[in-house]
Amino acid sequence: MVNDALRRWRLSAPSPSGSGSPMTRAELAEAVNQYVWSTTGQHCTLDAATLARYERGMVGWPGETYRTGLRAVLGAASDAELGFRPTRRGAAAT
């Protein structure tokens, strides 16, 4: 199932470039990686290709670190707002 919610959140966020365009997947990935580093000291490797997998619904429940970063950067109050749902087993994928 395609994750239109995450895509809408990303497209509603302004690009940090100041161009007036929406945030690209690469910009969002960098912002999440930076957020995680600055708040936890943990190195993250989220990239545009992985975000594309999230938006295509190939990953419905990313790891907690990535979900936390996405919520913080996009200003979402919950994982559900970003279109994420726990998997049947509750296992997280990256």
PDB file of N, CA and C in Angstrom:
ATOM      1  N   MET A   1       0.847  -1.181   0.000  1.00  0.00           N
ATOM      2  CA  MET A   1       0.000   0.000   0.000  1.00  0.00           C
ATOM      3  C   MET A   1       0.896   1.250   0.000  1.00  0.00           C
ATOM      4  N   VAL A   2       0.655   2.124  -0.941  1.00  0.00           N
ATOM      5  CA  VAL A   2       1.431   3.355  -1.068  1.00  0.00           C
ATOM      6  C   VAL A   2       1.199   4.238   0.160  1.00  0.00           C
ATOM      7  N   ASN A   3       2.258   4.877   0.621  1.00  0.00           N
ATOM      8  CA  ASN A   3       2.161   5.758   1.785  1.00  0.00           C
ATOM      9  C   ASN A   3       2.028   7.214   1.299  1.00  0.00           C
ATOM     10  N   ASP A   4       0.805   7.573   0.919  1.00  0.00           N
ATOM     11  CA  ASP A   4       0.547   8.939   0.461  1.00  0.00           C
ATOM     12  C   ASP A   4       0.691   9.964   1.577  1.00  0.00           C
ATOM     13  N   ALA A   5       0.446   9.552   2.809  1.00  0.00           N
ATOM     14  CA  ALA A   5       0.535  10.488   3.938  1.00  0.00           C
ATOM     15  C   ALA A   5       1.965  11.009   4.082  1.00  0.00           C
ATOM     16  N   LEU A   6       2.934  10.117   4.055  1.00  0.00           N
ATOM     17  CA  LEU A   6       4.329  10.543   4.188  1.00  0.00           C
ATOM     18  C   LEU A   6       4.712  11.462   3.034  1.00  0.00           C
ATOM     19  N   ARG A   7       4.299  11.109   1.844  1.00  0.00           N
ATOM     20  CA  ARG A   7       4.610  11.938   0.676  1.00  0.00           C
ATOM     21  C   ARG A   7       3.998  13.336   0.823  1.00  0.00           C
ATOM     22  N   ARG A   8       2.744  13.405   1.274  1.00  0.00           N
ATOM     23  CA  ARG A   8       2.095  14.711   1.471  1.00  0.00           C
ATOM     24  C   ARG A   8       2.843  15.539   2.510  1.00  0.00           C
ATOM     25  N   TRP A   9       3.249  14.921   3.614  1.00  0.00           N
ATOM     26  CA  TRP A   9       4.000  15.639   4.650  1.00  0.00           C
ATOM     27  C   TRP A   9       5.295  16.190   4.067  1.00  0.00           C
ATOM     28  N   ARG A  10       6.017  15.345   3.291  1.00  0.00           N
ATOM     29  CA  ARG A  10       7.283  15.801   2.711  1.00  0.00           C
ATOM     30  C   ARG A  10       7.051  16.959   1.747  1.00  0.00           C
ATOM     31  N   LEU A  11       6.040  16.825   0.905  1.00  0.00           N
ATOM     32  CA  LEU A  11       5.785  17.863  -0.092  1.00  0.00           C
ATOM     33  C   LEU A  11       5.245  19.154   0.524  1.00  0.00           C
ATOM     34  N   SER A  12       4.732  19.079   1.727  1.00  0.00           N
ATOM     35  CA  SER A  12       4.248  20.292   2.395  1.00  0.00           C
ATOM     36  C   SER A  12       5.363  21.008   3.157  1.00  0.00           C
ATOM     37  N   ALA A  13       6.500  20.329   3.302  1.00  0.00           N
ATOM     38  CA  ALA A  13       7.645  20.936   4.001  1.00  0.00           C
ATOM     39  C   ALA A  13       8.485  21.722   2.996  1.00  0.00           C
ATOM     40  N   PRO A  14       8.849  22.949   3.336  1.00  0.00           N
ATOM     41  CA  PRO A  14       9.652  23.746   2.403  1.00  0.00           C
ATOM     42  C   PRO A  14      11.098  23.258   2.325  1.00  0.00           C
ATOM     43  N   SER A  15      11.656  23.352   1.155  1.00  0.00           N
ATOM     44  CA  SER A  15      13.057  22.998   0.955  1.00  0.00           C
ATOM     45  C   SER A  15      13.938  23.931   1.775  1.00  0.00           C
ATOM     46  N   PRO A  16      14.946  23.404   2.436  1.00  0.00           N
ATOM     47  CA  PRO A  16      15.864  24.272   3.186  1.00  0.00           C
ATOM     48  C   PRO A  16      16.723  25.141   2.259  1.00  0.00           C
ATOM     49  N   SER A  17      16.653  24.905   0.965  1.00  0.00           N
ATOM     50  CA  SER A  17      17.441  25.692   0.009  1.00  0.00           C
ATOM     51  C   SER A  17      16.904  27.107  -0.144  1.00  0.00           C
ATOM     52  N   GLY A  18      15.654  27.318   0.320  1.00  0.00           N
ATOM     53  CA  GLY A  18      15.043  28.633   0.189  1.00  0.00           C
ATOM     54  C   GLY A  18      14.456  28.883  -1.192  1.00  0.00           C
ATOM     55  N   SER A  19      14.360  27.840  -2.009  1.00  0.00           N
ATOM     56  CA  SER A  19      13.865  27.976  -3.371  1.00  0.00           C
ATOM     57  C   SER A  19      12.349  28.132  -3.447  1.00  0.00           C
ATOM     58  N   GLY A  20      11.679  27.839  -2.344  1.00  0.00           N
ATOM     59  CA  GLY A  20      10.224  27.859  -2.355  1.00  0.00           C
ATOM     60  C   GLY A  20       9.635  26.535  -2.821  1.00  0.00           C
ATOM     61  N   SER A  21      10.476  25.607  -3.215  1.00  0.00           N
ATOM     62  CA  SER A  21      10.039  24.277  -3.634  1.00  0.00           C
ATOM     63  C   SER A  21       9.823  23.395  -2.414  1.00  0.00           C
ATOM     64  N   PRO A  22       9.104  22.287  -2.591  1.00  0.00           N
ATOM     65  CA  PRO A  22       8.963  21.337  -1.482  1.00  0.00           C
ATOM     66  C   PRO A  22      10.294  20.645  -1.189  1.00  0.00           C
ATOM     67  N   MET A  23      10.382  20.088  -0.022  1.00  0.00           N
ATOM     68  CA  MET A  23      11.565  19.350   0.399  1.00  0.00           C
ATOM     69  C   MET A  23      11.719  18.100  -0.466  1.00  0.00           C
ATOM     70  N   THR A  24      12.927  17.861  -0.939  1.00  0.00           N
ATOM     71  CA  THR A  24      13.202  16.649  -1.693  1.00  0.00           C
ATOM     72  C   THR A  24      13.423  15.494  -0.720  1.00  0.00           C
ATOM     73  N   ARG A  25      13.405  14.289  -1.254  1.00  0.00           N
ATOM     74  CA  ARG A  25      13.692  13.132  -0.404  1.00  0.00           C
ATOM     75  C   ARG A  25      15.109  13.231   0.164  1.00  0.00           C
ATOM     76  N   ALA A  26      16.050  13.667  -0.662  1.00  0.00           N
ATOM     77  CA  ALA A  26      17.437  13.787  -0.196  1.00  0.00           C
ATOM     78  C   ALA A  26      17.548  14.812   0.931  1.00  0.00           C
ATOM     79  N   GLU A  27      16.837  15.925   0.803  1.00  0.00           N
ATOM     80  CA  GLU A  27      16.869  16.949   1.852  1.00  0.00           C
ATOM     81  C   GLU A  27      16.231  16.430   3.138  1.00  0.00           C
ATOM     82  N   LEU A  28      15.134  15.696   2.997  1.00  0.00           N
ATOM     83  CA  LEU A  28      14.486  15.135   4.186  1.00  0.00           C
ATOM     84  C   LEU A  28      15.392  14.117   4.854  1.00  0.00           C
ATOM     85  N   ALA A  29      16.017  13.262   4.074  1.00  0.00           N
ATOM     86  CA  ALA A  29      16.925  12.263   4.643  1.00  0.00           C
ATOM     87  C   ALA A  29      18.059  12.944   5.407  1.00  0.00           C
ATOM     88  N   GLU A  30      18.643  13.961   4.814  1.00  0.00           N
ATOM     89  CA  GLU A  30      19.737  14.686   5.477  1.00  0.00           C
ATOM     90  C   GLU A  30      19.257  15.342   6.768  1.00  0.00           C
ATOM     91  N   ALA A  31      18.060  15.920   6.737  1.00  0.00           N
ATOM     92  CA  ALA A  31      17.521  16.567   7.930  1.00  0.00           C
ATOM     93  C   ALA A  31      17.267  15.544   9.040  1.00  0.00           C
ATOM     94  N   VAL A  32      16.759  14.379   8.681  1.00  0.00           N
ATOM     95  CA  VAL A  32      16.525  13.325   9.685  1.00  0.00           C
ATOM     96  C   VAL A  32      17.856  12.846  10.242  1.00  0.00           C
ATOM     97  N   ASN A  33      18.822  12.581   9.375  1.00  0.00           N
ATOM     98  CA  ASN A  33      20.144  12.143   9.852  1.00  0.00           C
ATOM     99  C   ASN A  33      20.756  13.168  10.796  1.00  0.00           C
ATOM    100  N   GLN A  34      20.646  14.447  10.450  1.00  0.00           N
ATOM    101  CA  GLN A  34      21.191  15.511  11.296  1.00  0.00           C
ATOM    102  C   GLN A  34      20.452  15.587  12.629  1.00  0.00           C
ATOM    103  N   TYR A  35      19.129  15.464  12.590  1.00  0.00           N
ATOM    104  CA  TYR A  35      18.335  15.499  13.823  1.00  0.00           C
ATOM    105  C   TYR A  35      18.765  14.365  14.753  1.00  0.00           C
ATOM    106  N   VAL A  36      18.856  13.161  14.206  1.00  0.00           N
ATOM    107  CA  VAL A  36      19.225  12.011  15.036  1.00  0.00           C
ATOM    108  C   VAL A  36      20.624  12.209  15.614  1.00  0.00           C
ATOM    109  N   TRP A  37      21.563  12.679  14.794  1.00  0.00           N
ATOM    110  CA  TRP A  37      22.922  12.911  15.283  1.00  0.00           C
ATOM    111  C   TRP A  37      22.937  13.945  16.408  1.00  0.00           C
ATOM    112  N   SER A  38      22.212  15.048  16.200  1.00  0.00           N
ATOM    113  CA  SER A  38      22.266  16.133  17.184  1.00  0.00           C
ATOM    114  C   SER A  38      21.526  15.807  18.476  1.00  0.00           C
ATOM    115  N   THR A  39      20.557  14.915  18.421  1.00  0.00           N
ATOM    116  CA  THR A  39      19.801  14.593  19.637  1.00  0.00           C
ATOM    117  C   THR A  39      20.279  13.334  20.347  1.00  0.00           C
ATOM    118  N   THR A  40      20.937  12.422  19.607  1.00  0.00           N
ATOM    119  CA  THR A  40      21.338  11.161  20.226  1.00  0.00           C
ATOM    120  C   THR A  40      22.812  10.832  20.058  1.00  0.00           C
ATOM    121  N   GLY A  41      23.483  11.507  19.124  1.00  0.00           N
ATOM    122  CA  GLY A  41      24.859  11.164  18.811  1.00  0.00           C
ATOM    123  C   GLY A  41      24.965   9.907  17.968  1.00  0.00           C
ATOM    124  N   GLN A  42      23.819   9.370  17.566  1.00  0.00           N
ATOM    125  CA  GLN A  42      23.779   8.148  16.762  1.00  0.00           C
ATOM    126  C   GLN A  42      23.919   8.506  15.278  1.00  0.00           C
ATOM    127  N   HIS A  43      24.758   7.758  14.571  1.00  0.00           N
ATOM    128  CA  HIS A  43      24.945   7.960  13.138  1.00  0.00           C
ATOM    129  C   HIS A  43      23.829   7.246  12.385  1.00  0.00           C
ATOM    130  N   CYS A  44      23.124   7.979  11.529  1.00  0.00           N
ATOM    131  CA  CYS A  44      22.048   7.418  10.717  1.00  0.00           C
ATOM    132  C   CYS A  44      22.429   7.489   9.254  1.00  0.00           C
ATOM    133  N   THR A  45      21.919   6.574   8.467  1.00  0.00           N
ATOM    134  CA  THR A  45      22.239   6.533   7.043  1.00  0.00           C
ATOM    135  C   THR A  45      20.982   6.552   6.182  1.00  0.00           C
ATOM    136  N   LEU A  46      19.954   7.245   6.637  1.00  0.00           N
ATOM    137  CA  LEU A  46      18.750   7.364   5.831  1.00  0.00           C
ATOM    138  C   LEU A  46      19.110   8.092   4.540  1.00  0.00           C
ATOM    139  N   ASP A  47      18.581   7.607   3.410  1.00  0.00           N
ATOM    140  CA  ASP A  47      18.866   8.253   2.134  1.00  0.00           C
ATOM    141  C   ASP A  47      17.589   8.363   1.302  1.00  0.00           C
ATOM    142  N   ALA A  48      17.700   9.034   0.158  1.00  0.00           N
ATOM    143  CA  ALA A  48      16.544   9.285  -0.702  1.00  0.00           C
ATOM    144  C   ALA A  48      15.922   7.983  -1.192  1.00  0.00           C
ATOM    145  N   ALA A  49      16.737   6.987  -1.495  1.00  0.00           N
ATOM    146  CA  ALA A  49      16.216   5.713  -1.983  1.00  0.00           C
ATOM    147  C   ALA A  49      15.374   5.013  -0.917  1.00  0.00           C
ATOM    148  N   THR A  50      15.812   5.085   0.324  1.00  0.00           N
ATOM    149  CA  THR A  50      15.048   4.472   1.410  1.00  0.00           C
ATOM    150  C   THR A  50      13.736   5.228   1.629  1.00  0.00           C
ATOM    151  N   LEU A  51      13.789   6.550   1.577  1.00  0.00           N
ATOM    152  CA  LEU A  51      12.556   7.333   1.701  1.00  0.00           C
ATOM    153  C   LEU A  51      11.585   6.994   0.568  1.00  0.00           C
ATOM    154  N   ALA A  52      12.095   6.763  -0.629  1.00  0.00           N
ATOM    155  CA  ALA A  52      11.238   6.360  -1.746  1.00  0.00           C
ATOM    156  C   ALA A  52      10.562   5.027  -1.434  1.00  0.00           C
ATOM    157  N   ARG A  53      11.291   4.108  -0.808  1.00  0.00           N
ATOM    158  CA  ARG A  53      10.695   2.819  -0.403  1.00  0.00           C
ATOM    159  C   ARG A  53       9.595   3.042   0.630  1.00  0.00           C
ATOM    160  N   TYR A  54       9.815   3.961   1.562  1.00  0.00           N
ATOM    161  CA  TYR A  54       8.777   4.279   2.550  1.00  0.00           C
ATOM    162  C   TYR A  54       7.532   4.825   1.844  1.00  0.00           C
ATOM    163  N   GLU A  55       7.738   5.766   0.922  1.00  0.00           N
ATOM    164  CA  GLU A  55       6.609   6.385   0.224  1.00  0.00           C
ATOM    165  C   GLU A  55       5.879   5.395  -0.676  1.00  0.00           C
ATOM    166  N   ARG A  56       6.592   4.443  -1.241  1.00  0.00           N
ATOM    167  CA  ARG A  56       5.945   3.423  -2.076  1.00  0.00           C
ATOM    168  C   ARG A  56       5.251   2.358  -1.240  1.00  0.00           C
ATOM    169  N   GLY A  57       5.444   2.406   0.074  1.00  0.00           N
ATOM    170  CA  GLY A  57       4.809   1.434   0.953  1.00  0.00           C
ATOM    171  C   GLY A  57       5.547   0.119   1.056  1.00  0.00           C
ATOM    172  N   MET A  58       6.761   0.078   0.575  1.00  0.00           N
ATOM    173  CA  MET A  58       7.555  -1.148   0.661  1.00  0.00           C
ATOM    174  C   MET A  58       8.009  -1.413   2.090  1.00  0.00           C
ATOM    175  N   VAL A  59       8.088  -0.352   2.883  1.00  0.00           N
ATOM    176  CA  VAL A  59       8.413  -0.454   4.313  1.00  0.00           C
ATOM    177  C   VAL A  59       7.304   0.280   5.044  1.00  0.00           C
ATOM    178  N   GLY A  60       6.503  -0.460   5.792  1.00  0.00           N
ATOM    179  CA  GLY A  60       5.373   0.142   6.486  1.00  0.00           C
ATOM    180  C   GLY A  60       5.660   0.544   7.922  1.00  0.00           C
ATOM    181  N   TRP A  61       6.766   0.056   8.468  1.00  0.00           N
ATOM    182  CA  TRP A  61       7.100   0.335   9.871  1.00  0.00           C
ATOM    183  C   TRP A  61       8.613   0.464  10.011  1.00  0.00           C
ATOM    184  N   PRO A  62       9.158   1.623   9.635  1.00  0.00           N
ATOM    185  CA  PRO A  62      10.606   1.824   9.758  1.00  0.00           C
ATOM    186  C   PRO A  62      11.065   1.721  11.208  1.00  0.00           C
ATOM    187  N   GLY A  63      12.350   1.618  11.388  1.00  0.00           N
ATOM    188  CA  GLY A  63      12.905   1.567  12.735  1.00  0.00           C
ATOM    189  C   GLY A  63      12.545   2.800  13.549  1.00  0.00           C
ATOM    190  N   GLU A  64      12.539   2.636  14.862  1.00  0.00           N
ATOM    191  CA  GLU A  64      12.138   3.715  15.780  1.00  0.00           C
ATOM    192  C   GLU A  64      12.954   4.993  15.573  1.00  0.00           C
ATOM    193  N   THR A  65      14.244   4.839  15.360  1.00  0.00           N
ATOM    194  CA  THR A  65      15.098   6.010  15.174  1.00  0.00           C
ATOM    195  C   THR A  65      14.638   6.833  13.977  1.00  0.00           C
ATOM    196  N   TYR A  66      14.349   6.160  12.873  1.00  0.00           N
ATOM    197  CA  TYR A  66      13.907   6.862  11.671  1.00  0.00           C
ATOM    198  C   TYR A  66      12.521   7.465  11.850  1.00  0.00           C
ATOM    199  N   ARG A  67      11.624   6.733  12.492  1.00  0.00           N
ATOM    200  CA  ARG A  67      10.271   7.276  12.733  1.00  0.00           C
ATOM    201  C   ARG A  67      10.350   8.516  13.616  1.00  0.00           C
ATOM    202  N   THR A  68      11.170   8.470  14.652  1.00  0.00           N
ATOM    203  CA  THR A  68      11.335   9.618  15.548  1.00  0.00           C
ATOM    204  C   THR A  68      11.873  10.820  14.788  1.00  0.00           C
ATOM    205  N   GLY A  69      12.894  10.591  13.979  1.00  0.00           N
ATOM    206  CA  GLY A  69      13.472  11.675  13.190  1.00  0.00           C
ATOM    207  C   GLY A  69      12.488  12.262  12.200  1.00  0.00           C
ATOM    208  N   LEU A  70      11.736  11.418  11.521  1.00  0.00           N
ATOM    209  CA  LEU A  70      10.742  11.904  10.561  1.00  0.00           C
ATOM    210  C   LEU A  70       9.659  12.716  11.261  1.00  0.00           C
ATOM    211  N   ARG A  71       9.189  12.231  12.413  1.00  0.00           N
ATOM    212  CA  ARG A  71       8.170  12.988  13.166  1.00  0.00           C
ATOM    213  C   ARG A  71       8.713  14.360  13.550  1.00  0.00           C
ATOM    214  N   ALA A  72       9.931  14.407  14.056  1.00  0.00           N
ATOM    215  CA  ALA A  72      10.515  15.673  14.511  1.00  0.00           C
ATOM    216  C   ALA A  72      10.723  16.646  13.354  1.00  0.00           C
ATOM    217  N   VAL A  73      11.303  16.181  12.279  1.00  0.00           N
ATOM    218  CA  VAL A  73      11.616  17.065  11.152  1.00  0.00           C
ATOM    219  C   VAL A  73      10.346  17.560  10.464  1.00  0.00           C
ATOM    220  N   LEU A  74       9.358  16.676  10.327  1.00  0.00           N
ATOM    221  CA  LEU A  74       8.134  17.060   9.619  1.00  0.00           C
ATOM    222  C   LEU A  74       7.074  17.672  10.535  1.00  0.00           C
ATOM    223  N   GLY A  75       7.261  17.562  11.845  1.00  0.00           N
ATOM    224  CA  GLY A  75       6.317  18.147  12.789  1.00  0.00           C
ATOM    225  C   GLY A  75       5.072  17.321  13.013  1.00  0.00           C
ATOM    226  N   ALA A  76       5.155  16.033  12.765  1.00  0.00           N
ATOM    227  CA  ALA A  76       4.010  15.137  12.968  1.00  0.00           C
ATOM    228  C   ALA A  76       3.940  14.711  14.433  1.00  0.00           C
ATOM    229  N   ALA A  77       2.728  14.546  14.926  1.00  0.00           N
ATOM    230  CA  ALA A  77       2.532  14.156  16.321  1.00  0.00           C
ATOM    231  C   ALA A  77       2.618  12.648  16.531  1.00  0.00           C
ATOM    232  N   SER A  78       2.427  11.872  15.469  1.00  0.00           N
ATOM    233  CA  SER A  78       2.405  10.420  15.638  1.00  0.00           C
ATOM    234  C   SER A  78       2.901   9.721  14.376  1.00  0.00           C
ATOM    235  N   ASP A  79       3.259   8.462  14.544  1.00  0.00           N
ATOM    236  CA  ASP A  79       3.646   7.643  13.397  1.00  0.00           C
ATOM    237  C   ASP A  79       2.472   7.491  12.436  1.00  0.00           C
ATOM    238  N   ALA A  80       1.282   7.342  12.983  1.00  0.00           N
ATOM    239  CA  ALA A  80       0.086   7.167  12.150  1.00  0.00           C
ATOM    240  C   ALA A  80      -0.139   8.367  11.234  1.00  0.00           C
ATOM    241  N   GLU A  81       0.157   9.576  11.712  1.00  0.00           N
ATOM    242  CA  GLU A  81       0.011  10.758  10.860  1.00  0.00           C
ATOM    243  C   GLU A  81       0.907  10.673   9.636  1.00  0.00           C
ATOM    244  N   LEU A  82       2.024   9.992   9.764  1.00  0.00           N
ATOM    245  CA  LEU A  82       2.953   9.830   8.653  1.00  0.00           C
ATOM    246  C   LEU A  82       2.643   8.583   7.828  1.00  0.00           C
ATOM    247  N   GLY A  83       1.549   7.915   8.168  1.00  0.00           N
ATOM    248  CA  GLY A  83       1.130   6.742   7.403  1.00  0.00           C
ATOM    249  C   GLY A  83       1.810   5.449   7.799  1.00  0.00           C
ATOM    250  N   PHE A  84       2.489   5.429   8.940  1.00  0.00           N
ATOM    251  CA  PHE A  84       3.164   4.221   9.383  1.00  0.00           C
ATOM    252  C   PHE A  84       2.262   3.410  10.304  1.00  0.00           C
ATOM    253  N   ARG A  85       2.287   2.098  10.108  1.00  0.00           N
ATOM    254  CA  ARG A  85       1.520   1.180  10.927  1.00  0.00           C
ATOM    255  C   ARG A  85       2.429   0.029  11.338  1.00  0.00           C
ATOM    256  N   PRO A  86       2.328  -0.431  12.585  1.00  0.00           N
ATOM    257  CA  PRO A  86       3.168  -1.559  12.992  1.00  0.00           C
ATOM    258  C   PRO A  86       2.891  -2.785  12.135  1.00  0.00           C
ATOM    259  N   THR A  87       3.941  -3.542  11.878  1.00  0.00           N
ATOM    260  CA  THR A  87       3.781  -4.793  11.150  1.00  0.00           C
ATOM    261  C   THR A  87       3.144  -5.832  12.065  1.00  0.00           C
ATOM    262  N   ARG A  88       2.687  -6.880  11.474  1.00  0.00           N
ATOM    263  CA  ARG A  88       2.038  -7.937  12.259  1.00  0.00           C
ATOM    264  C   ARG A  88       2.929  -8.449  13.362  1.00  0.00           C
ATOM    265  N   ARG A  89       4.198  -8.638  13.038  1.00  0.00           N
ATOM    266  CA  ARG A  89       5.154  -9.144  14.042  1.00  0.00           C
ATOM    267  C   ARG A  89       5.710  -8.047  14.902  1.00  0.00           C
ATOM    268  N   GLY A  90       5.487  -6.790  14.514  1.00  0.00           N
ATOM    269  CA  GLY A  90       6.037  -5.683  15.288  1.00  0.00           C
ATOM    270  C   GLY A  90       7.499  -5.422  14.998  1.00  0.00           C
ATOM    271  N   ALA A  91       8.029  -6.167  14.028  1.00  0.00           N
ATOM    272  CA  ALA A  91       9.440  -5.986  13.675  1.00  0.00           C
ATOM    273  C   ALA A  91       9.595  -4.740  12.826  1.00  0.00           C
ATOM    274  N   ALA A  92      10.665  -4.051  13.047  1.00  0.00           N
ATOM    275  CA  ALA A  92      10.928  -2.830  12.288  1.00  0.00           C
ATOM    276  C   ALA A  92      11.863  -3.149  11.133  1.00  0.00           C
ATOM    277  N   ALA A  93      11.647  -2.462  10.055  1.00  0.00           N
ATOM    278  CA  ALA A  93      12.561  -2.554   8.908  1.00  0.00           C
ATOM    279  C   ALA A  93      13.175  -1.175   8.718  1.00  0.00           C
ATOM    280  N   THR A  94      14.323  -1.127   8.093  1.00  0.00           N
ATOM    281  CA  THR A  94      14.952   0.176   7.857  1.00  0.00           C
ATOM    282  C   THR A  94      14.725   0.649   6.494  1.00  0.00           C
TER     283      THR A  94
END
